[in-house]
């Protein structure tokens, strides 16, 4: 079951190891939306994402990939590539549900190995243009079904 709370997803309220997941685009753009809140707290996720994208010819950077970046003791940020480009095109909004599902499936395994809970805003539903009911179903099929505690935060 997904727990919903009011607050800042960059400040997850929980004991133990925590992972903050958010959706990134596949073109190396970082500068609008939730990533601004992440960058305001820690430089490492942005630096890691930009390096990951720049070196994409020799790594796993693609839709559906996840990059875990440590930012504090027992706190990680998961950069999940779940958005094609940054603007709507003939295929609709930039969100790619299949990529989000693939990334969350991978994150399920990682979170379980770490003993971590996962925290997030309503991923894929801001600038990416996604529908929360579809994303929520993906979260339930992956993280929740895999036994990972999930908290979704809405700003006050």
C-alpha atoms as a PDB file:
ATOM      1  CA  UNK A   1       0.000   0.000   0.000  1.00  0.00           C
ATOM      2  CA  UNK A   2       1.180   3.477  -0.808  1.00  0.00           C
ATOM      3  CA  UNK A   3       1.280   5.928   2.086  1.00  0.00           C
ATOM      4  CA  UNK A   4       0.416   9.520   1.197  1.00  0.00           C
ATOM      5  CA  UNK A   5       1.680  12.497   3.145  1.00  0.00           C
ATOM      6  CA  UNK A   6       1.893  16.248   2.997  1.00  0.00           C
ATOM      7  CA  UNK A   7       5.418  17.576   2.961  1.00  0.00           C
ATOM      8  CA  UNK A   8       8.658  17.909   1.074  1.00  0.00           C
ATOM      9  CA  UNK A   9       9.757  14.757  -0.753  1.00  0.00           C
ATOM     10  CA  UNK A  10      13.390  15.898  -0.425  1.00  0.00           C
ATOM     11  CA  UNK A  11      13.022  15.536   3.340  1.00  0.00           C
ATOM     12  CA  UNK A  12      11.575  12.035   3.756  1.00  0.00           C
ATOM     13  CA  UNK A  13      10.161  11.283   7.183  1.00  0.00           C
ATOM     14  CA  UNK A  14      11.184   7.750   8.080  1.00  0.00           C
ATOM     15  CA  UNK A  15      13.777   5.800   9.987  1.00  0.00           C
ATOM     16  CA  UNK A  16      16.415   3.704   8.287  1.00  0.00           C
ATOM     17  CA  UNK A  17      17.628   3.759   4.730  1.00  0.00           C
ATOM     18  CA  UNK A  18      15.605   5.905   2.342  1.00  0.00           C
ATOM     19  CA  UNK A  19      15.590   6.400  -1.409  1.00  0.00           C
ATOM     20  CA  UNK A  20      14.038   9.463  -3.045  1.00  0.00           C
ATOM     21  CA  UNK A  21      12.999   8.619  -6.605  1.00  0.00           C
ATOM     22  CA  UNK A  22      12.175  11.113  -9.328  1.00  0.00           C
ATOM     23  CA  UNK A  23      11.796  11.027 -13.108  1.00  0.00           C
ATOM     24  CA  UNK A  24      14.446  12.472 -15.436  1.00  0.00           C
ATOM     25  CA  UNK A  25      14.382  13.011 -19.173  1.00  0.00           C
ATOM     26  CA  UNK A  26      16.527  11.201 -21.719  1.00  0.00           C
ATOM     27  CA  UNK A  27      18.131  14.287 -23.299  1.00  0.00           C
ATOM     28  CA  UNK A  28      20.367  15.432 -20.446  1.00  0.00           C
ATOM     29  CA  UNK A  29      18.169  18.331 -19.366  1.00  0.00           C
ATOM     30  CA  UNK A  30      18.169  19.220 -15.659  1.00  0.00           C
ATOM     31  CA  UNK A  31      16.743  22.543 -14.572  1.00  0.00           C
ATOM     32  CA  UNK A  32      12.964  22.530 -14.133  1.00  0.00           C
ATOM     33  CA  UNK A  33      10.515  20.835 -11.802  1.00  0.00           C
ATOM     34  CA  UNK A  34      11.375  18.627  -8.837  1.00  0.00           C
ATOM     35  CA  UNK A  35      15.070  18.467  -9.776  1.00  0.00           C
ATOM     36  CA  UNK A  36      15.412  22.076  -8.639  1.00  0.00           C
ATOM     37  CA  UNK A  37      14.409  21.038  -5.112  1.00  0.00           C
ATOM     38  CA  UNK A  38      16.909  18.177  -5.232  1.00  0.00           C
ATOM     39  CA  UNK A  39      19.718  20.449  -6.457  1.00  0.00           C
ATOM     40  CA  UNK A  40      18.901  23.003  -3.766  1.00  0.00           C
ATOM     41  CA  UNK A  41      19.746  20.351  -1.152  1.00  0.00           C
ATOM     42  CA  UNK A  42      22.534  18.312  -2.764  1.00  0.00           C
ATOM     43  CA  UNK A  43      24.800  18.797  -5.797  1.00  0.00           C
ATOM     44  CA  UNK A  44      25.579  15.087  -6.269  1.00  0.00           C
ATOM     45  CA  UNK A  45      22.377  13.912  -8.070  1.00  0.00           C
ATOM     46  CA  UNK A  46      22.620  16.593 -10.748  1.00  0.00           C
ATOM     47  CA  UNK A  47      26.352  16.077 -11.228  1.00  0.00           C
ATOM     48  CA  UNK A  48      25.900  12.307 -11.472  1.00  0.00           C
ATOM     49  CA  UNK A  49      22.986  12.591 -13.924  1.00  0.00           C
ATOM     50  CA  UNK A  50      24.818  15.029 -16.215  1.00  0.00           C
ATOM     51  CA  UNK A  51      27.932  12.820 -16.198  1.00  0.00           C
ATOM     52  CA  UNK A  52      25.785   9.689 -16.788  1.00  0.00           C
ATOM     53  CA  UNK A  53      24.143  11.357 -19.796  1.00  0.00           C
ATOM     54  CA  UNK A  54      27.406  12.765 -21.179  1.00  0.00           C
ATOM     55  CA  UNK A  55      29.015   9.306 -21.027  1.00  0.00           C
ATOM     56  CA  UNK A  56      25.908   7.474 -22.312  1.00  0.00           C
ATOM     57  CA  UNK A  57      27.808   5.821 -25.171  1.00  0.00           C
ATOM     58  CA  UNK A  58      29.651   3.706 -22.603  1.00  0.00           C
ATOM     59  CA  UNK A  59      27.044   3.128 -19.882  1.00  0.00           C
ATOM     60  CA  UNK A  60      23.415   2.089 -19.311  1.00  0.00           C
ATOM     61  CA  UNK A  61      21.793   5.530 -19.726  1.00  0.00           C
ATOM     62  CA  UNK A  62      18.486   4.974 -21.540  1.00  0.00           C
ATOM     63  CA  UNK A  63      14.752   5.056 -20.901  1.00  0.00           C
ATOM     64  CA  UNK A  64      14.004   2.846 -17.905  1.00  0.00           C
ATOM     65  CA  UNK A  65      17.481   3.067 -16.381  1.00  0.00           C
ATOM     66  CA  UNK A  66      18.009   4.043 -12.739  1.00  0.00           C
ATOM     67  CA  UNK A  67      21.037   5.700 -11.168  1.00  0.00           C
ATOM     68  CA  UNK A  68      21.346   5.608  -7.367  1.00  0.00           C
ATOM     69  CA  UNK A  69      23.284   8.519  -5.903  1.00  0.00           C
ATOM     70  CA  UNK A  70      24.212   8.674  -2.198  1.00  0.00           C
ATOM     71  CA  UNK A  71      23.547  12.115  -0.701  1.00  0.00           C
ATOM     72  CA  UNK A  72      23.572  11.593   3.071  1.00  0.00           C
ATOM     73  CA  UNK A  73      24.030   8.762   5.517  1.00  0.00           C
ATOM     74  CA  UNK A  74      21.249   6.257   4.704  1.00  0.00           C
ATOM     75  CA  UNK A  75      19.760   8.570   2.045  1.00  0.00           C
ATOM     76  CA  UNK A  76      19.963   8.099  -1.719  1.00  0.00           C
ATOM     77  CA  UNK A  77      18.445   9.826  -4.742  1.00  0.00           C
ATOM     78  CA  UNK A  78      17.326   7.615  -7.624  1.00  0.00           C
ATOM     79  CA  UNK A  79      17.513   9.319 -11.009  1.00  0.00           C
ATOM     80  CA  UNK A  80      15.014   7.320 -13.112  1.00  0.00           C
ATOM     81  CA  UNK A  81      14.981   7.999 -16.871  1.00  0.00           C
ATOM     82  CA  UNK A  82      11.243   7.890 -17.512  1.00  0.00           C
ATOM     83  CA  UNK A  83      10.639  10.819 -19.817  1.00  0.00           C
ATOM     84  CA  UNK A  84      11.290  11.056 -23.569  1.00  0.00           C
ATOM     85  CA  UNK A  85      12.509  14.567 -24.383  1.00  0.00           C
ATOM     86  CA  UNK A  86      10.969  17.525 -22.504  1.00  0.00           C
ATOM     87  CA  UNK A  87       8.049  18.545 -24.702  1.00  0.00           C
ATOM     88  CA  UNK A  88       4.949  16.772 -25.955  1.00  0.00           C
ATOM     89  CA  UNK A  89       5.214  15.254 -29.402  1.00  0.00           C
ATOM     90  CA  UNK A  90       3.115  13.139 -31.733  1.00  0.00           C
ATOM     91  CA  UNK A  91       3.150  10.325 -29.164  1.00  0.00           C
ATOM     92  CA  UNK A  92       1.712  12.580 -26.456  1.00  0.00           C
ATOM     93  CA  UNK A  93       3.389  13.975 -23.340  1.00  0.00           C
ATOM     94  CA  UNK A  94       7.033  13.192 -22.554  1.00  0.00           C
ATOM     95  CA  UNK A  95       6.182  10.613 -19.850  1.00  0.00           C
ATOM     96  CA  UNK A  96       6.960   7.010 -20.770  1.00  0.00           C
ATOM     97  CA  UNK A  97       5.039   4.644 -18.520  1.00  0.00           C
ATOM     98  CA  UNK A  98       6.928   1.561 -19.702  1.00  0.00           C
ATOM     99  CA  UNK A  99      10.222   3.230 -18.777  1.00  0.00           C
ATOM    100  CA  UNK A 100       8.913   4.198 -15.346  1.00  0.00           C
ATOM    101  CA  UNK A 101       7.757   0.625 -14.812  1.00  0.00           C
ATOM    102  CA  UNK A 102      11.121  -0.811 -15.858  1.00  0.00           C
ATOM    103  CA  UNK A 103      12.969   1.634 -13.614  1.00  0.00           C
ATOM    104  CA  UNK A 104      10.732   0.982 -10.617  1.00  0.00           C
ATOM    105  CA  UNK A 105      11.084  -2.778 -11.117  1.00  0.00           C
ATOM    106  CA  UNK A 106      14.869  -2.361 -10.944  1.00  0.00           C
ATOM    107  CA  UNK A 107      14.526  -0.028  -7.961  1.00  0.00           C
ATOM    108  CA  UNK A 108      12.381  -2.638  -6.183  1.00  0.00           C
ATOM    109  CA  UNK A 109      15.317  -5.049  -6.215  1.00  0.00           C
ATOM    110  CA  UNK A 110      17.784  -2.344  -5.154  1.00  0.00           C
ATOM    111  CA  UNK A 111      15.554  -1.045  -2.340  1.00  0.00           C
ATOM    112  CA  UNK A 112      15.028  -4.562  -0.997  1.00  0.00           C
ATOM    113  CA  UNK A 113      18.758  -5.259  -1.087  1.00  0.00           C
ATOM    114  CA  UNK A 114      19.372  -2.021   0.836  1.00  0.00           C
ATOM    115  CA  UNK A 115      16.445  -2.494   3.221  1.00  0.00           C
ATOM    116  CA  UNK A 116      15.207   0.910   2.075  1.00  0.00           C
ATOM    117  CA  UNK A 117      11.860   2.625   1.875  1.00  0.00           C
ATOM    118  CA  UNK A 118      11.108   4.681  -1.234  1.00  0.00           C
ATOM    119  CA  UNK A 119       9.895   8.287  -1.116  1.00  0.00           C
ATOM    120  CA  UNK A 120       8.733  10.472  -3.994  1.00  0.00           C
ATOM    121  CA  UNK A 121       6.565  13.261  -5.266  1.00  0.00           C
ATOM    122  CA  UNK A 122       3.913  12.224  -7.816  1.00  0.00           C
ATOM    123  CA  UNK A 123       6.580  11.132 -10.278  1.00  0.00           C
ATOM    124  CA  UNK A 124       5.998  11.566 -13.987  1.00  0.00           C
ATOM    125  CA  UNK A 125       2.940  13.745 -13.437  1.00  0.00           C
ATOM    126  CA  UNK A 126       4.383  17.242 -13.421  1.00  0.00           C
ATOM    127  CA  UNK A 127       6.343  18.489 -16.400  1.00  0.00           C
ATOM    128  CA  UNK A 128       6.349  14.973 -17.914  1.00  0.00           C
ATOM    129  CA  UNK A 129       2.549  15.187 -18.262  1.00  0.00           C
ATOM    130  CA  UNK A 130       1.660  11.788 -16.847  1.00  0.00           C
ATOM    131  CA  UNK A 131      -1.602  10.575 -15.343  1.00  0.00           C
ATOM    132  CA  UNK A 132      -1.324   9.745 -11.630  1.00  0.00           C
ATOM    133  CA  UNK A 133      -3.745   6.803 -11.791  1.00  0.00           C
ATOM    134  CA  UNK A 134      -1.457   5.097 -14.320  1.00  0.00           C
ATOM    135  CA  UNK A 135       1.709   5.874 -12.363  1.00  0.00           C
ATOM    136  CA  UNK A 136       0.092   4.787  -9.092  1.00  0.00           C
ATOM    137  CA  UNK A 137      -0.804   1.426 -10.670  1.00  0.00           C
ATOM    138  CA  UNK A 138       2.811   1.017 -11.804  1.00  0.00           C
ATOM    139  CA  UNK A 139       4.061   1.750  -8.278  1.00  0.00           C
ATOM    140  CA  UNK A 140       1.675  -0.859  -6.893  1.00  0.00           C
ATOM    141  CA  UNK A 141       2.765  -3.489  -9.470  1.00  0.00           C
ATOM    142  CA  UNK A 142       6.457  -2.924  -8.792  1.00  0.00           C
ATOM    143  CA  UNK A 143       7.514  -1.442  -5.469  1.00  0.00           C
ATOM    144  CA  UNK A 144       4.438  -2.299  -3.403  1.00  0.00           C
ATOM    145  CA  UNK A 145       4.117  -5.821  -4.827  1.00  0.00           C
ATOM    146  CA  UNK A 146       7.825  -6.269  -4.102  1.00  0.00           C
ATOM    147  CA  UNK A 147       7.343  -5.429  -0.428  1.00  0.00           C
ATOM    148  CA  UNK A 148       8.910  -1.958  -0.504  1.00  0.00           C
ATOM    149  CA  UNK A 149       7.408   0.738   1.735  1.00  0.00           C
ATOM    150  CA  UNK A 150       6.409   3.708  -0.450  1.00  0.00           C
ATOM    151  CA  UNK A 151       5.537   7.242   0.642  1.00  0.00           C
ATOM    152  CA  UNK A 152       4.237   9.829  -1.834  1.00  0.00           C
ATOM    153  CA  UNK A 153       4.434  13.471  -0.794  1.00  0.00           C
ATOM    154  CA  UNK A 154       2.239  16.358  -1.862  1.00  0.00           C
ATOM    155  CA  UNK A 155       3.345  19.877  -1.033  1.00  0.00           C
ATOM    156  CA  UNK A 156       1.072  21.755   1.383  1.00  0.00           C
END
